[in-house]
Amino acid sequence: MFKIPKLTQTFKFKIIIVGDLGTGKSNILSRFSHNKFCLLNQSNVGIEFRTKEYQIDNSKVKFVI
């Protein structure tokens, strides 16, 4: 006899961070995705994406920032 796997739900959240130059937007992304914080980050111009997934009970939660 085999077990029927439980269905999992996937939740996806898209978050946009905007702000002035030098306010730490990239450091927020780095801390969230890699748990690192650097005081000497170089300024970047453009768009930066990071994703992170969590497993909570039988559901997947995905953040796209």
PDB file of N, CA and C in Angstrom:
ATOM      1  N   MET A   1       0.850  -1.176   0.000  1.00  0.00           N
ATOM      2  CA  MET A   1       0.000   0.000   0.000  1.00  0.00           C
ATOM      3  C   MET A   1       0.899   1.245   0.000  1.00  0.00           C
ATOM      4  N   PHE A   2       0.497   2.246  -0.705  1.00  0.00           N
ATOM      5  CA  PHE A   2       1.278   3.477  -0.767  1.00  0.00           C
ATOM      6  C   PHE A   2       0.472   4.637  -0.197  1.00  0.00           C
ATOM      7  N   LYS A   3       1.215   5.639   0.260  1.00  0.00           N
ATOM      8  CA  LYS A   3       0.574   6.830   0.821  1.00  0.00           C
ATOM      9  C   LYS A   3       0.428   7.891  -0.258  1.00  0.00           C
ATOM     10  N   ILE A   4      -0.677   8.559  -0.224  1.00  0.00           N
ATOM     11  CA  ILE A   4      -0.898   9.681  -1.131  1.00  0.00           C
ATOM     12  C   ILE A   4      -0.258  10.913  -0.505  1.00  0.00           C
ATOM     13  N   PRO A   5       0.676  11.552  -1.222  1.00  0.00           N
ATOM     14  CA  PRO A   5       1.322  12.735  -0.641  1.00  0.00           C
ATOM     15  C   PRO A   5       0.331  13.878  -0.447  1.00  0.00           C
ATOM     16  N   LYS A   6       0.570  14.621   0.600  1.00  0.00           N
ATOM     17  CA  LYS A   6      -0.274  15.790   0.855  1.00  0.00           C
ATOM     18  C   LYS A   6       0.035  16.878  -0.158  1.00  0.00           C
ATOM     19  N   LEU A   7      -0.997  17.564  -0.578  1.00  0.00           N
ATOM     20  CA  LEU A   7      -0.802  18.670  -1.499  1.00  0.00           C
ATOM     21  C   LEU A   7      -0.156  19.837  -0.763  1.00  0.00           C
ATOM     22  N   THR A   8       0.771  20.476  -1.428  1.00  0.00           N
ATOM     23  CA  THR A   8       1.411  21.643  -0.828  1.00  0.00           C
ATOM     24  C   THR A   8       0.976  22.886  -1.579  1.00  0.00           C
ATOM     25  N   GLN A   9       0.832  23.943  -0.847  1.00  0.00           N
ATOM     26  CA  GLN A   9       0.518  25.235  -1.450  1.00  0.00           C
ATOM     27  C   GLN A   9       1.801  26.027  -1.574  1.00  0.00           C
ATOM     28  N   THR A  10       1.874  26.827  -2.611  1.00  0.00           N
ATOM     29  CA  THR A  10       3.008  27.716  -2.792  1.00  0.00           C
ATOM     30  C   THR A  10       2.499  29.150  -2.770  1.00  0.00           C
ATOM     31  N   PHE A  11       3.068  29.926  -1.882  1.00  0.00           N
ATOM     32  CA  PHE A  11       2.724  31.343  -1.788  1.00  0.00           C
ATOM     33  C   PHE A  11       3.916  32.129  -2.310  1.00  0.00           C
ATOM     34  N   LYS A  12       3.660  33.116  -3.151  1.00  0.00           N
ATOM     35  CA  LYS A  12       4.722  33.927  -3.722  1.00  0.00           C
ATOM     36  C   LYS A  12       4.438  35.394  -3.436  1.00  0.00           C
ATOM     37  N   PHE A  13       5.419  36.055  -2.848  1.00  0.00           N
ATOM     38  CA  PHE A  13       5.305  37.470  -2.528  1.00  0.00           C
ATOM     39  C   PHE A  13       6.382  38.229  -3.292  1.00  0.00           C
ATOM     40  N   LYS A  14       5.979  39.300  -3.957  1.00  0.00           N
ATOM     41  CA  LYS A  14       6.922  40.169  -4.655  1.00  0.00           C
ATOM     42  C   LYS A  14       6.970  41.497  -3.918  1.00  0.00           C
ATOM     43  N   ILE A  15       8.179  41.896  -3.561  1.00  0.00           N
ATOM     44  CA  ILE A  15       8.381  43.108  -2.769  1.00  0.00           C
ATOM     45  C   ILE A  15       9.338  44.027  -3.527  1.00  0.00           C
ATOM     46  N   ILE A  16       9.007  45.292  -3.591  1.00  0.00           N
ATOM     47  CA  ILE A  16       9.855  46.289  -4.234  1.00  0.00           C
ATOM     48  C   ILE A  16      10.344  47.256  -3.166  1.00  0.00           C
ATOM     49  N   ILE A  17      11.654  47.459  -3.135  1.00  0.00           N
ATOM     50  CA  ILE A  17      12.251  48.401  -2.187  1.00  0.00           C
ATOM     51  C   ILE A  17      12.774  49.584  -2.987  1.00  0.00           C
ATOM     52  N   VAL A  18      12.306  50.767  -2.661  1.00  0.00           N
ATOM     53  CA  VAL A  18      12.760  51.986  -3.338  1.00  0.00           C
ATOM     54  C   VAL A  18      13.251  52.965  -2.285  1.00  0.00           C
ATOM     55  N   GLY A  19      14.175  53.814  -2.679  1.00  0.00           N
ATOM     56  CA  GLY A  19      14.676  54.813  -1.745  1.00  0.00           C
ATOM     57  C   GLY A  19      15.811  55.603  -2.353  1.00  0.00           C
ATOM     58  N   ASP A  20      16.274  56.569  -1.606  1.00  0.00           N
ATOM     59  CA  ASP A  20      17.355  57.436  -2.051  1.00  0.00           C
ATOM     60  C   ASP A  20      18.679  56.675  -2.088  1.00  0.00           C
ATOM     61  N   LEU A  21      19.634  57.255  -2.781  1.00  0.00           N
ATOM     62  CA  LEU A  21      20.976  56.706  -2.902  1.00  0.00           C
ATOM     63  C   LEU A  21      21.641  56.624  -1.530  1.00  0.00           C
ATOM     64  N   GLY A  22      22.270  55.488  -1.234  1.00  0.00           N
ATOM     65  CA  GLY A  22      23.043  55.350  -0.008  1.00  0.00           C
ATOM     66  C   GLY A  22      22.227  55.105   1.242  1.00  0.00           C
ATOM     67  N   THR A  23      21.008  54.628   1.102  1.00  0.00           N
ATOM     68  CA  THR A  23      20.169  54.409   2.291  1.00  0.00           C
ATOM     69  C   THR A  23      20.156  52.967   2.780  1.00  0.00           C
ATOM     70  N   GLY A  24      20.843  52.036   2.072  1.00  0.00           N
ATOM     71  CA  GLY A  24      20.967  50.667   2.560  1.00  0.00           C
ATOM     72  C   GLY A  24      20.020  49.655   1.956  1.00  0.00           C
ATOM     73  N   LYS A  25      19.475  49.959   0.799  1.00  0.00           N
ATOM     74  CA  LYS A  25      18.549  49.014   0.155  1.00  0.00           C
ATOM     75  C   LYS A  25      19.242  47.702  -0.191  1.00  0.00           C
ATOM     76  N   SER A  26      20.446  47.767  -0.742  1.00  0.00           N
ATOM     77  CA  SER A  26      21.189  46.550  -1.093  1.00  0.00           C
ATOM     78  C   SER A  26      21.592  45.771   0.150  1.00  0.00           C
ATOM     79  N   ASN A  27      21.893  46.461   1.238  1.00  0.00           N
ATOM     80  CA  ASN A  27      22.229  45.768   2.482  1.00  0.00           C
ATOM     81  C   ASN A  27      21.023  45.045   3.071  1.00  0.00           C
ATOM     82  N   ILE A  28      19.844  45.602   2.899  1.00  0.00           N
ATOM     83  CA  ILE A  28      18.632  44.903   3.340  1.00  0.00           C
ATOM     84  C   ILE A  28      18.479  43.600   2.568  1.00  0.00           C
ATOM     85  N   LEU A  29      18.693  43.639   1.248  1.00  0.00           N
ATOM     86  CA  LEU A  29      18.619  42.429   0.431  1.00  0.00           C
ATOM     87  C   LEU A  29      19.673  41.410   0.835  1.00  0.00           C
ATOM     88  N   SER A  30      20.889  41.879   1.052  1.00  0.00           N
ATOM     89  CA  SER A  30      21.977  40.988   1.431  1.00  0.00           C
ATOM     90  C   SER A  30      21.718  40.332   2.785  1.00  0.00           C
ATOM     91  N   ARG A  31      21.215  41.097   3.729  1.00  0.00           N
ATOM     92  CA  ARG A  31      20.908  40.552   5.059  1.00  0.00           C
ATOM     93  C   ARG A  31      19.785  39.524   4.983  1.00  0.00           C
ATOM     94  N   PHE A  32      18.782  39.804   4.189  1.00  0.00           N
ATOM     95  CA  PHE A  32      17.651  38.899   4.071  1.00  0.00           C
ATOM     96  C   PHE A  32      18.031  37.601   3.365  1.00  0.00           C
ATOM     97  N   SER A  33      18.761  37.700   2.255  1.00  0.00           N
ATOM     98  CA  SER A  33      19.023  36.507   1.447  1.00  0.00           C
ATOM     99  C   SER A  33      20.250  35.715   1.892  1.00  0.00           C
ATOM    100  N   HIS A  34      21.291  36.377   2.400  1.00  0.00           N
ATOM    101  CA  HIS A  34      22.530  35.684   2.763  1.00  0.00           C
ATOM    102  C   HIS A  34      22.921  35.860   4.229  1.00  0.00           C
ATOM    103  N   ASN A  35      22.130  36.604   4.986  1.00  0.00           N
ATOM    104  CA  ASN A  35      22.413  36.918   6.388  1.00  0.00           C
ATOM    105  C   ASN A  35      23.791  37.575   6.556  1.00  0.00           C
ATOM    106  N   LYS A  36      24.135  38.465   5.620  1.00  0.00           N
ATOM    107  CA  LYS A  36      25.390  39.211   5.667  1.00  0.00           C
ATOM    108  C   LYS A  36      25.077  40.700   5.625  1.00  0.00           C
ATOM    109  N   PHE A  37      25.926  41.476   6.293  1.00  0.00           N
ATOM    110  CA  PHE A  37      25.779  42.930   6.288  1.00  0.00           C
ATOM    111  C   PHE A  37      27.164  43.524   6.125  1.00  0.00           C
ATOM    112  N   CYS A  38      27.333  44.399   5.158  1.00  0.00           N
ATOM    113  CA  CYS A  38      28.637  45.003   4.892  1.00  0.00           C
ATOM    114  C   CYS A  38      28.489  46.524   4.915  1.00  0.00           C
ATOM    115  N   LEU A  39      29.297  47.164   5.723  1.00  0.00           N
ATOM    116  CA  LEU A  39      29.234  48.627   5.796  1.00  0.00           C
ATOM    117  C   LEU A  39      29.867  49.306   4.593  1.00  0.00           C
ATOM    118  N   LEU A  40      30.714  48.595   3.852  1.00  0.00           N
ATOM    119  CA  LEU A  40      31.455  49.212   2.757  1.00  0.00           C
ATOM    120  C   LEU A  40      30.962  48.757   1.390  1.00  0.00           C
ATOM    121  N   ASN A  41      29.657  48.706   1.189  1.00  0.00           N
ATOM    122  CA  ASN A  41      29.106  48.339  -0.119  1.00  0.00           C
ATOM    123  C   ASN A  41      29.298  49.470  -1.105  1.00  0.00           C
ATOM    124  N   GLN A  42      29.583  49.093  -2.359  1.00  0.00           N
ATOM    125  CA  GLN A  42      29.670  50.093  -3.416  1.00  0.00           C
ATOM    126  C   GLN A  42      28.268  50.394  -3.916  1.00  0.00           C
ATOM    127  N   SER A  43      28.071  51.605  -4.353  1.00  0.00           N
ATOM    128  CA  SER A  43      26.768  51.981  -4.915  1.00  0.00           C
ATOM    129  C   SER A  43      26.556  51.236  -6.217  1.00  0.00           C
ATOM    130  N   ASN A  44      25.327  50.812  -6.443  1.00  0.00           N
ATOM    131  CA  ASN A  44      25.005  50.172  -7.712  1.00  0.00           C
ATOM    132  C   ASN A  44      23.912  50.980  -8.394  1.00  0.00           C
ATOM    133  N   VAL A  45      23.893  50.882  -9.689  1.00  0.00           N
ATOM    134  CA  VAL A  45      22.884  51.582 -10.468  1.00  0.00           C
ATOM    135  C   VAL A  45      22.085  50.524 -11.205  1.00  0.00           C
ATOM    136  N   GLY A  46      20.790  50.559 -11.034  1.00  0.00           N
ATOM    137  CA  GLY A  46      19.967  49.592 -11.741  1.00  0.00           C
ATOM    138  C   GLY A  46      19.075  48.814 -10.812  1.00  0.00           C
ATOM    139  N   ILE A  47      18.851  47.568 -11.186  1.00  0.00           N
ATOM    140  CA  ILE A  47      17.898  46.728 -10.475  1.00  0.00           C
ATOM    141  C   ILE A  47      18.620  45.505  -9.939  1.00  0.00           C
ATOM    142  N   GLU A  48      18.245  45.105  -8.749  1.00  0.00           N
ATOM    143  CA  GLU A  48      18.839  43.938  -8.108  1.00  0.00           C
ATOM    144  C   GLU A  48      17.705  43.038  -7.615  1.00  0.00           C
ATOM    145  N   PHE A  49      17.785  41.743  -7.898  1.00  0.00           N
ATOM    146  CA  PHE A  49      16.757  40.794  -7.486  1.00  0.00           C
ATOM    147  C   PHE A  49      17.355  39.748  -6.560  1.00  0.00           C
ATOM    148  N   ARG A  50      16.602  39.356  -5.569  1.00  0.00           N
ATOM    149  CA  ARG A  50      16.979  38.237  -4.702  1.00  0.00           C
ATOM    150  C   ARG A  50      15.725  37.426  -4.412  1.00  0.00           C
ATOM    151  N   THR A  51      15.896  36.125  -4.238  1.00  0.00           N
ATOM    152  CA  THR A  51      14.780  35.265  -3.870  1.00  0.00           C
ATOM    153  C   THR A  51      15.155  34.437  -2.662  1.00  0.00           C
ATOM    154  N   LYS A  52      14.154  34.091  -1.889  1.00  0.00           N
ATOM    155  CA  LYS A  52      14.355  33.252  -0.709  1.00  0.00           C
ATOM    156  C   LYS A  52      13.088  32.434  -0.513  1.00  0.00           C
ATOM    157  N   GLU A  53      13.261  31.147  -0.230  1.00  0.00           N
ATOM    158  CA  GLU A  53      12.119  30.263  -0.012  1.00  0.00           C
ATOM    159  C   GLU A  53      12.153  29.706   1.400  1.00  0.00           C
ATOM    160  N   TYR A  54      10.981  29.566   1.962  1.00  0.00           N
ATOM    161  CA  TYR A  54      10.812  28.960   3.280  1.00  0.00           C
ATOM    162  C   TYR A  54       9.805  27.829   3.165  1.00  0.00           C
ATOM    163  N   GLN A  55       9.986  26.791   3.947  1.00  0.00           N
ATOM    164  CA  GLN A  55       9.022  25.695   4.041  1.00  0.00           C
ATOM    165  C   GLN A  55       8.333  25.831   5.393  1.00  0.00           C
ATOM    166  N   ILE A  56       7.034  26.041   5.378  1.00  0.00           N
ATOM    167  CA  ILE A  56       6.248  26.177   6.602  1.00  0.00           C
ATOM    168  C   ILE A  56       5.137  25.149   6.548  1.00  0.00           C
ATOM    169  N   ASP A  57       5.207  24.187   7.440  1.00  0.00           N
ATOM    170  CA  ASP A  57       4.276  23.047   7.441  1.00  0.00           C
ATOM    171  C   ASP A  57       4.281  22.408   6.054  1.00  0.00           C
ATOM    172  N   ASN A  58       3.159  22.366   5.391  1.00  0.00           N
ATOM    173  CA  ASN A  58       3.087  21.778   4.048  1.00  0.00           C
ATOM    174  C   ASN A  58       3.015  22.838   2.959  1.00  0.00           C
ATOM    175  N   SER A  59       3.467  24.027   3.257  1.00  0.00           N
ATOM    176  CA  SER A  59       3.390  25.119   2.281  1.00  0.00           C
ATOM    177  C   SER A  59       4.780  25.683   2.012  1.00  0.00           C
ATOM    178  N   LYS A  60       4.978  26.117   0.790  1.00  0.00           N
ATOM    179  CA  LYS A  60       6.185  26.823   0.422  1.00  0.00           C
ATOM    180  C   LYS A  60       5.868  28.308   0.352  1.00  0.00           C
ATOM    181  N   VAL A  61       6.754  29.116   0.893  1.00  0.00           N
ATOM    182  CA  VAL A  61       6.602  30.564   0.828  1.00  0.00           C
ATOM    183  C   VAL A  61       7.843  31.108   0.123  1.00  0.00           C
ATOM    184  N   LYS A  62       7.632  31.816  -0.974  1.00  0.00           N
ATOM    185  CA  LYS A  62       8.732  32.342  -1.768  1.00  0.00           C
ATOM    186  C   LYS A  62       8.636  33.858  -1.809  1.00  0.00           C
ATOM    187  N   PHE A  63       9.768  34.509  -1.497  1.00  0.00           N
ATOM    188  CA  PHE A  63       9.864  35.968  -1.562  1.00  0.00           C
ATOM    189  C   PHE A  63      10.749  36.341  -2.731  1.00  0.00           C
ATOM    190  N   VAL A  64      10.279  37.242  -3.549  1.00  0.00           N
ATOM    191  CA  VAL A  64      11.081  37.816  -4.643  1.00  0.00           C
ATOM    192  C   VAL A  64      11.178  39.297  -4.324  1.00  0.00           C
ATOM    193  N   ILE A  65      12.398  39.723  -4.061  1.00  0.00           N
ATOM    194  CA  ILE A  65      12.610  41.123  -3.671  1.00  0.00           C
ATOM    195  C   ILE A  65      13.526  41.786  -4.685  1.00  0.00           C
TER     196      ILE A  65
END
